[in-house]
Amino acid sequence: MVIGKATFMDAHNHVAYNVLPKWTPPKLYQHRGQWQGATAHKNFKKPYDELKGPDGLFCEMVKWGEVMAPLSGVTTIEGMSPNQTCFRTLIRNTENQNGLGTPASLIRTFILDISSFNSTINWAVTKSFVVHLGEGIDATTKAEFQTLKDNGPLHAETAAIHGTAFGAAEFTEMGQVGAKLIWSPQSNKLLYFQACVPEGR
């Protein structure tokens, strides 16, 4: 029986990092700045830095990630640089609207600290503002939600990546305007919420 064809979108992925094996953090962290600055993570990503560095193999690294995606049914990815001309053949990149015939500003991605966001968004054109937000579990990370609101872009078109610091109040506000959440459950669990099992259990 033919049920039908299905395609999947990977709503958040740093594709070039797929050349690396999965990282197992040695401990739990409070926010992303901690593990990003940790010696363990820096040592883990040395091969990435070396490949991306003088040899300039970033496009090849992304292509490897693109090859892996269709094997799981993924045909579209969010999380590649919008201004790299090499991302054109294997899979759609929502950030440069490859082959979609849509404006480059239709989907905008911001992965830096939200406090550094100083741009404006034309909501008549931008239909998705994808932003790293609330990645961690401490009060400072939770406060990023207020920073987002202070800067303006909390709309139905806002899509917050992670949001692990958020609670009922933040999700209620998001729900009231129709904002979205892009969850990364596996990495969030390993970095921030991994359960500690007592010995003998």
C-alpha atoms as a PDB file:
ATOM      1  CA  MET A   1       0.000   0.000   0.000  1.00  0.00           C
ATOM      2  CA  VAL A   2       1.342   3.415  -0.919  1.00  0.00           C
ATOM      3  CA  ILE A   3       0.738   5.827   1.928  1.00  0.00           C
ATOM      4  CA  GLY A   4       2.288   8.833   0.231  1.00  0.00           C
ATOM      5  CA  LYS A   5       5.493  10.765   0.065  1.00  0.00           C
ATOM      6  CA  ALA A   6       6.852  12.696   3.020  1.00  0.00           C
ATOM      7  CA  THR A   7       9.704  15.169   3.245  1.00  0.00           C
ATOM      8  CA  PHE A   8      11.184  16.594   6.386  1.00  0.00           C
ATOM      9  CA  MET A   9      12.680  19.919   7.387  1.00  0.00           C
ATOM     10  CA  ASP A  10      15.604  20.110   9.787  1.00  0.00           C
ATOM     11  CA  ALA A  11      14.587  23.288  11.610  1.00  0.00           C
ATOM     12  CA  HIS A  12      17.969  23.864  13.266  1.00  0.00           C
ATOM     13  CA  ASN A  13      21.383  22.509  12.383  1.00  0.00           C
ATOM     14  CA  HIS A  14      24.943  23.835  12.229  1.00  0.00           C
ATOM     15  CA  VAL A  15      25.559  21.668   9.194  1.00  0.00           C
ATOM     16  CA  ALA A  16      29.340  21.973   8.854  1.00  0.00           C
ATOM     17  CA  TYR A  17      29.780  20.479  12.345  1.00  0.00           C
ATOM     18  CA  ASN A  18      28.354  17.196  11.066  1.00  0.00           C
ATOM     19  CA  VAL A  19      31.872  16.257   9.965  1.00  0.00           C
ATOM     20  CA  LEU A  20      32.523  15.643  13.672  1.00  0.00           C
ATOM     21  CA  PRO A  21      31.243  12.701  15.709  1.00  0.00           C
ATOM     22  CA  LYS A  22      28.692  13.358  18.431  1.00  0.00           C
ATOM     23  CA  TRP A  23      30.192  15.145  21.432  1.00  0.00           C
ATOM     24  CA  THR A  24      29.605  13.752  24.908  1.00  0.00           C
ATOM     25  CA  PRO A  25      29.935  16.621  27.395  1.00  0.00           C
ATOM     26  CA  PRO A  26      31.927  15.724  30.533  1.00  0.00           C
ATOM     27  CA  LYS A  27      29.556  17.693  32.804  1.00  0.00           C
ATOM     28  CA  LEU A  28      26.394  19.777  32.864  1.00  0.00           C
ATOM     29  CA  TYR A  29      26.402  23.508  32.221  1.00  0.00           C
ATOM     30  CA  GLN A  30      24.285  26.540  33.117  1.00  0.00           C
ATOM     31  CA  HIS A  31      24.396  28.256  29.728  1.00  0.00           C
ATOM     32  CA  ARG A  32      25.921  27.866  26.272  1.00  0.00           C
ATOM     33  CA  GLY A  33      28.796  30.249  26.971  1.00  0.00           C
ATOM     34  CA  GLN A  34      30.182  27.805  29.528  1.00  0.00           C
ATOM     35  CA  TRP A  35      30.481  24.777  27.277  1.00  0.00           C
ATOM     36  CA  GLN A  36      31.525  26.822  24.258  1.00  0.00           C
ATOM     37  CA  GLY A  37      34.466  28.141  26.276  1.00  0.00           C
ATOM     38  CA  ALA A  38      35.312  24.836  27.952  1.00  0.00           C
ATOM     39  CA  THR A  39      38.635  23.157  27.165  1.00  0.00           C
ATOM     40  CA  ALA A  40      36.831  19.855  26.536  1.00  0.00           C
ATOM     41  CA  HIS A  41      34.727  21.403  23.771  1.00  0.00           C
ATOM     42  CA  LYS A  42      37.632  23.334  22.272  1.00  0.00           C
ATOM     43  CA  ASN A  43      39.636  20.111  22.019  1.00  0.00           C
ATOM     44  CA  PHE A  44      36.663  18.310  20.494  1.00  0.00           C
ATOM     45  CA  LYS A  45      36.197  20.903  17.740  1.00  0.00           C
ATOM     46  CA  LYS A  46      39.875  21.249  16.799  1.00  0.00           C
ATOM     47  CA  PRO A  47      39.397  19.146  13.620  1.00  0.00           C
ATOM     48  CA  TYR A  48      36.542  21.470  12.612  1.00  0.00           C
ATOM     49  CA  ASP A  49      38.716  24.546  13.147  1.00  0.00           C
ATOM     50  CA  GLU A  50      41.600  23.007  11.203  1.00  0.00           C
ATOM     51  CA  LEU A  51      39.426  22.037   8.234  1.00  0.00           C
ATOM     52  CA  LYS A  52      37.700  25.398   8.136  1.00  0.00           C
ATOM     53  CA  GLY A  53      40.977  27.291   8.582  1.00  0.00           C
ATOM     54  CA  PRO A  54      43.807  27.728   6.057  1.00  0.00           C
ATOM     55  CA  ASP A  55      42.556  24.943   3.780  1.00  0.00           C
ATOM     56  CA  GLY A  56      39.193  26.668   3.441  1.00  0.00           C
ATOM     57  CA  LEU A  57      37.142  23.459   3.306  1.00  0.00           C
ATOM     58  CA  PHE A  58      33.965  24.920   4.808  1.00  0.00           C
ATOM     59  CA  CYS A  59      31.884  24.268   1.688  1.00  0.00           C
ATOM     60  CA  GLU A  60      33.072  20.672   1.567  1.00  0.00           C
ATOM     61  CA  MET A  61      32.168  20.257   5.235  1.00  0.00           C
ATOM     62  CA  VAL A  62      28.658  21.525   4.561  1.00  0.00           C
ATOM     63  CA  LYS A  63      28.335  19.214   1.563  1.00  0.00           C
ATOM     64  CA  TRP A  64      29.103  16.282   3.847  1.00  0.00           C
ATOM     65  CA  GLY A  65      26.280  17.372   6.115  1.00  0.00           C
ATOM     66  CA  GLU A  66      24.019  17.763   3.106  1.00  0.00           C
ATOM     67  CA  VAL A  67      24.794  14.230   1.947  1.00  0.00           C
ATOM     68  CA  MET A  68      23.780  12.872   5.346  1.00  0.00           C
ATOM     69  CA  ALA A  69      20.463  14.750   5.446  1.00  0.00           C
ATOM     70  CA  PRO A  70      18.563  12.994   2.622  1.00  0.00           C
ATOM     71  CA  LEU A  71      19.442   9.623   4.144  1.00  0.00           C
ATOM     72  CA  SER A  72      16.955  10.446   6.907  1.00  0.00           C
ATOM     73  CA  GLY A  73      14.402  12.034   4.582  1.00  0.00           C
ATOM     74  CA  VAL A  74      15.452  15.658   5.169  1.00  0.00           C
ATOM     75  CA  THR A  75      15.186  17.861   2.079  1.00  0.00           C
ATOM     76  CA  THR A  76      15.404  21.330   3.673  1.00  0.00           C
ATOM     77  CA  ILE A  77      17.745  22.648   6.361  1.00  0.00           C
ATOM     78  CA  GLU A  78      17.836  25.826   8.440  1.00  0.00           C
ATOM     79  CA  GLY A  79      21.284  26.582   9.775  1.00  0.00           C
ATOM     80  CA  MET A  80      23.650  27.238   6.870  1.00  0.00           C
ATOM     81  CA  SER A  81      25.227  30.535   5.953  1.00  0.00           C
ATOM     82  CA  PRO A  82      23.008  32.518   3.577  1.00  0.00           C
ATOM     83  CA  ASN A  83      25.889  34.048   1.621  1.00  0.00           C
ATOM     84  CA  GLN A  84      27.814  30.964   0.523  1.00  0.00           C
ATOM     85  CA  THR A  85      27.346  30.238  -3.172  1.00  0.00           C
ATOM     86  CA  CYS A  86      28.389  26.606  -2.788  1.00  0.00           C
ATOM     87  CA  PHE A  87      25.148  25.635  -1.021  1.00  0.00           C
ATOM     88  CA  ARG A  88      23.182  25.030  -4.177  1.00  0.00           C
ATOM     89  CA  THR A  89      22.938  21.424  -5.217  1.00  0.00           C
ATOM     90  CA  LEU A  90      22.040  18.736  -2.701  1.00  0.00           C
ATOM     91  CA  ILE A  91      19.476  20.200  -0.348  1.00  0.00           C
ATOM     92  CA  ARG A  92      17.474  23.387   0.164  1.00  0.00           C
ATOM     93  CA  ASN A  93      18.878  26.018   2.485  1.00  0.00           C
ATOM     94  CA  THR A  94      16.042  28.128   3.884  1.00  0.00           C
ATOM     95  CA  GLU A  95      18.396  30.995   4.658  1.00  0.00           C
ATOM     96  CA  ASN A  96      19.301  31.695   1.059  1.00  0.00           C
ATOM     97  CA  GLN A  97      16.027  30.375  -0.335  1.00  0.00           C
ATOM     98  CA  ASN A  98      17.909  28.142  -2.751  1.00  0.00           C
ATOM     99  CA  GLY A  99      15.644  27.399  -5.676  1.00  0.00           C
ATOM    100  CA  LEU A 100      12.593  28.677  -3.799  1.00  0.00           C
ATOM    101  CA  GLY A 101      12.247  31.935  -5.690  1.00  0.00           C
ATOM    102  CA  THR A 102      11.658  33.954  -2.504  1.00  0.00           C
ATOM    103  CA  PRO A 103      13.342  37.098  -1.110  1.00  0.00           C
ATOM    104  CA  ALA A 104      16.513  36.653   0.913  1.00  0.00           C
ATOM    105  CA  SER A 105      14.857  38.421   3.840  1.00  0.00           C
ATOM    106  CA  LEU A 106      11.950  35.957   3.983  1.00  0.00           C
ATOM    107  CA  ILE A 107      13.763  33.932   6.644  1.00  0.00           C
ATOM    108  CA  ARG A 108      16.311  35.649   8.871  1.00  0.00           C
ATOM    109  CA  THR A 109      18.559  33.868  11.359  1.00  0.00           C
ATOM    110  CA  PHE A 110      20.381  35.428  14.315  1.00  0.00           C
ATOM    111  CA  ILE A 111      22.682  33.133  16.310  1.00  0.00           C
ATOM    112  CA  LEU A 112      24.567  35.696  18.417  1.00  0.00           C
ATOM    113  CA  ASP A 113      23.645  37.055  21.840  1.00  0.00           C
ATOM    114  CA  ILE A 114      20.257  38.762  21.443  1.00  0.00           C
ATOM    115  CA  SER A 115      21.594  41.826  23.288  1.00  0.00           C
ATOM    116  CA  SER A 116      23.757  42.550  20.232  1.00  0.00           C
ATOM    117  CA  PHE A 117      20.788  42.600  17.850  1.00  0.00           C
ATOM    118  CA  ASN A 118      20.527  46.154  16.533  1.00  0.00           C
ATOM    119  CA  SER A 119      18.717  45.654  13.256  1.00  0.00           C
ATOM    120  CA  THR A 120      15.122  46.215  12.225  1.00  0.00           C
ATOM    121  CA  ILE A 121      12.747  43.682  10.747  1.00  0.00           C
ATOM    122  CA  ASN A 122      10.166  44.343   8.074  1.00  0.00           C
ATOM    123  CA  TRP A 123       7.453  41.939   9.198  1.00  0.00           C
ATOM    124  CA  ALA A 124       5.611  42.435   5.938  1.00  0.00           C
ATOM    125  CA  VAL A 125       8.515  40.645   4.214  1.00  0.00           C
ATOM    126  CA  THR A 126      10.139  38.492   6.922  1.00  0.00           C
ATOM    127  CA  LYS A 127       7.946  35.504   7.714  1.00  0.00           C
ATOM    128  CA  SER A 128      10.372  33.797  10.107  1.00  0.00           C
ATOM    129  CA  PHE A 129      12.903  35.386  12.457  1.00  0.00           C
ATOM    130  CA  VAL A 130      14.944  32.451  13.781  1.00  0.00           C
ATOM    131  CA  VAL A 131      16.923  33.372  16.905  1.00  0.00           C
ATOM    132  CA  HIS A 132      19.059  31.525  19.467  1.00  0.00           C
ATOM    133  CA  LEU A 133      17.362  32.323  22.750  1.00  0.00           C
ATOM    134  CA  GLY A 134      17.304  31.066  26.318  1.00  0.00           C
ATOM    135  CA  GLU A 135      19.880  28.321  25.768  1.00  0.00           C
ATOM    136  CA  GLY A 136      20.704  27.276  29.312  1.00  0.00           C
ATOM    137  CA  ILE A 137      19.002  27.086  32.681  1.00  0.00           C
ATOM    138  CA  ASP A 138      20.219  30.092  34.690  1.00  0.00           C
ATOM    139  CA  ALA A 139      18.579  33.448  35.383  1.00  0.00           C
ATOM    140  CA  THR A 140      20.816  35.350  32.967  1.00  0.00           C
ATOM    141  CA  THR A 141      19.804  33.057  30.129  1.00  0.00           C
ATOM    142  CA  LYS A 142      16.140  33.363  31.065  1.00  0.00           C
ATOM    143  CA  ALA A 143      16.477  37.168  30.952  1.00  0.00           C
ATOM    144  CA  GLU A 144      17.215  36.936  27.220  1.00  0.00           C
ATOM    145  CA  PHE A 145      13.468  36.713  26.693  1.00  0.00           C
ATOM    146  CA  GLN A 146      12.987  40.206  28.101  1.00  0.00           C
ATOM    147  CA  THR A 147      15.911  41.450  25.995  1.00  0.00           C
ATOM    148  CA  LEU A 148      14.182  40.059  22.913  1.00  0.00           C
ATOM    149  CA  LYS A 149      11.017  41.946  23.802  1.00  0.00           C
ATOM    150  CA  ASP A 150      12.951  45.128  24.523  1.00  0.00           C
ATOM    151  CA  ASN A 151      14.498  44.908  21.064  1.00  0.00           C
ATOM    152  CA  GLY A 152      11.115  44.453  19.467  1.00  0.00           C
ATOM    153  CA  PRO A 153      10.986  41.129  17.631  1.00  0.00           C
ATOM    154  CA  LEU A 154       8.446  39.046  19.540  1.00  0.00           C
ATOM    155  CA  HIS A 155       5.899  38.299  16.867  1.00  0.00           C
ATOM    156  CA  ALA A 156       4.102  35.338  15.394  1.00  0.00           C
ATOM    157  CA  GLU A 157       7.028  35.097  12.989  1.00  0.00           C
ATOM    158  CA  THR A 158       9.577  34.751  15.827  1.00  0.00           C
ATOM    159  CA  ALA A 159      11.053  31.249  16.163  1.00  0.00           C
ATOM    160  CA  ALA A 160      13.170  30.797  19.300  1.00  0.00           C
ATOM    161  CA  ILE A 161      15.845  28.112  19.114  1.00  0.00           C
ATOM    162  CA  HIS A 162      16.247  26.147  22.396  1.00  0.00           C
ATOM    163  CA  GLY A 163      14.327  28.167  25.031  1.00  0.00           C
ATOM    164  CA  THR A 164      15.444  25.755  27.758  1.00  0.00           C
ATOM    165  CA  ALA A 165      15.505  28.558  30.352  1.00  0.00           C
ATOM    166  CA  PHE A 166      11.885  29.501  29.741  1.00  0.00           C
ATOM    167  CA  GLY A 167       9.013  28.716  32.037  1.00  0.00           C
ATOM    168  CA  ALA A 168       5.249  29.047  31.950  1.00  0.00           C
ATOM    169  CA  ALA A 169       5.316  32.857  31.806  1.00  0.00           C
ATOM    170  CA  GLU A 170       7.557  33.009  28.751  1.00  0.00           C
ATOM    171  CA  PHE A 171       5.722  30.264  26.900  1.00  0.00           C
ATOM    172  CA  THR A 172       2.398  31.903  27.675  1.00  0.00           C
ATOM    173  CA  GLU A 173       3.590  35.168  26.110  1.00  0.00           C
ATOM    174  CA  MET A 174       4.914  33.295  23.103  1.00  0.00           C
ATOM    175  CA  GLY A 175       1.610  31.505  22.743  1.00  0.00           C
ATOM    176  CA  GLN A 176      -0.357  34.745  22.951  1.00  0.00           C
ATOM    177  CA  VAL A 177       1.401  36.151  19.873  1.00  0.00           C
ATOM    178  CA  GLY A 178       1.842  32.815  18.110  1.00  0.00           C
ATOM    179  CA  ALA A 179       5.649  32.720  18.381  1.00  0.00           C
ATOM    180  CA  LYS A 180       7.359  29.377  17.713  1.00  0.00           C
ATOM    181  CA  LEU A 181       9.868  27.172  19.552  1.00  0.00           C
ATOM    182  CA  ILE A 182      12.541  25.110  17.807  1.00  0.00           C
ATOM    183  CA  TRP A 183      13.587  22.480  20.295  1.00  0.00           C
ATOM    184  CA  SER A 184      16.850  20.489  20.299  1.00  0.00           C
ATOM    185  CA  PRO A 185      15.973  17.879  22.921  1.00  0.00           C
ATOM    186  CA  GLN A 186      18.981  15.589  22.629  1.00  0.00           C
ATOM    187  CA  SER A 187      21.692  18.225  22.902  1.00  0.00           C
ATOM    188  CA  ASN A 188      19.729  20.195  25.510  1.00  0.00           C
ATOM    189  CA  LYS A 189      19.471  17.124  27.701  1.00  0.00           C
ATOM    190  CA  LEU A 190      23.165  16.283  27.430  1.00  0.00           C
ATOM    191  CA  LEU A 191      24.307  19.852  28.100  1.00  0.00           C
ATOM    192  CA  TYR A 192      21.851  21.008  30.753  1.00  0.00           C
ATOM    193  CA  PHE A 193      19.498  18.331  32.068  1.00  0.00           C
ATOM    194  CA  GLN A 194      21.239  14.942  32.042  1.00  0.00           C
ATOM    195  CA  ALA A 195      19.951  12.878  34.952  1.00  0.00           C
ATOM    196  CA  CYS A 196      22.422  11.682  37.568  1.00  0.00           C
ATOM    197  CA  VAL A 197      21.737   8.065  38.502  1.00  0.00           C
ATOM    198  CA  PRO A 198      22.991   7.018  41.986  1.00  0.00           C
ATOM    199  CA  GLU A 199      25.450   4.142  42.150  1.00  0.00           C
ATOM    200  CA  GLY A 200      23.843   0.745  42.523  1.00  0.00           C
ATOM    201  CA  ARG A 201      20.727   1.694  40.556  1.00  0.00           C
END
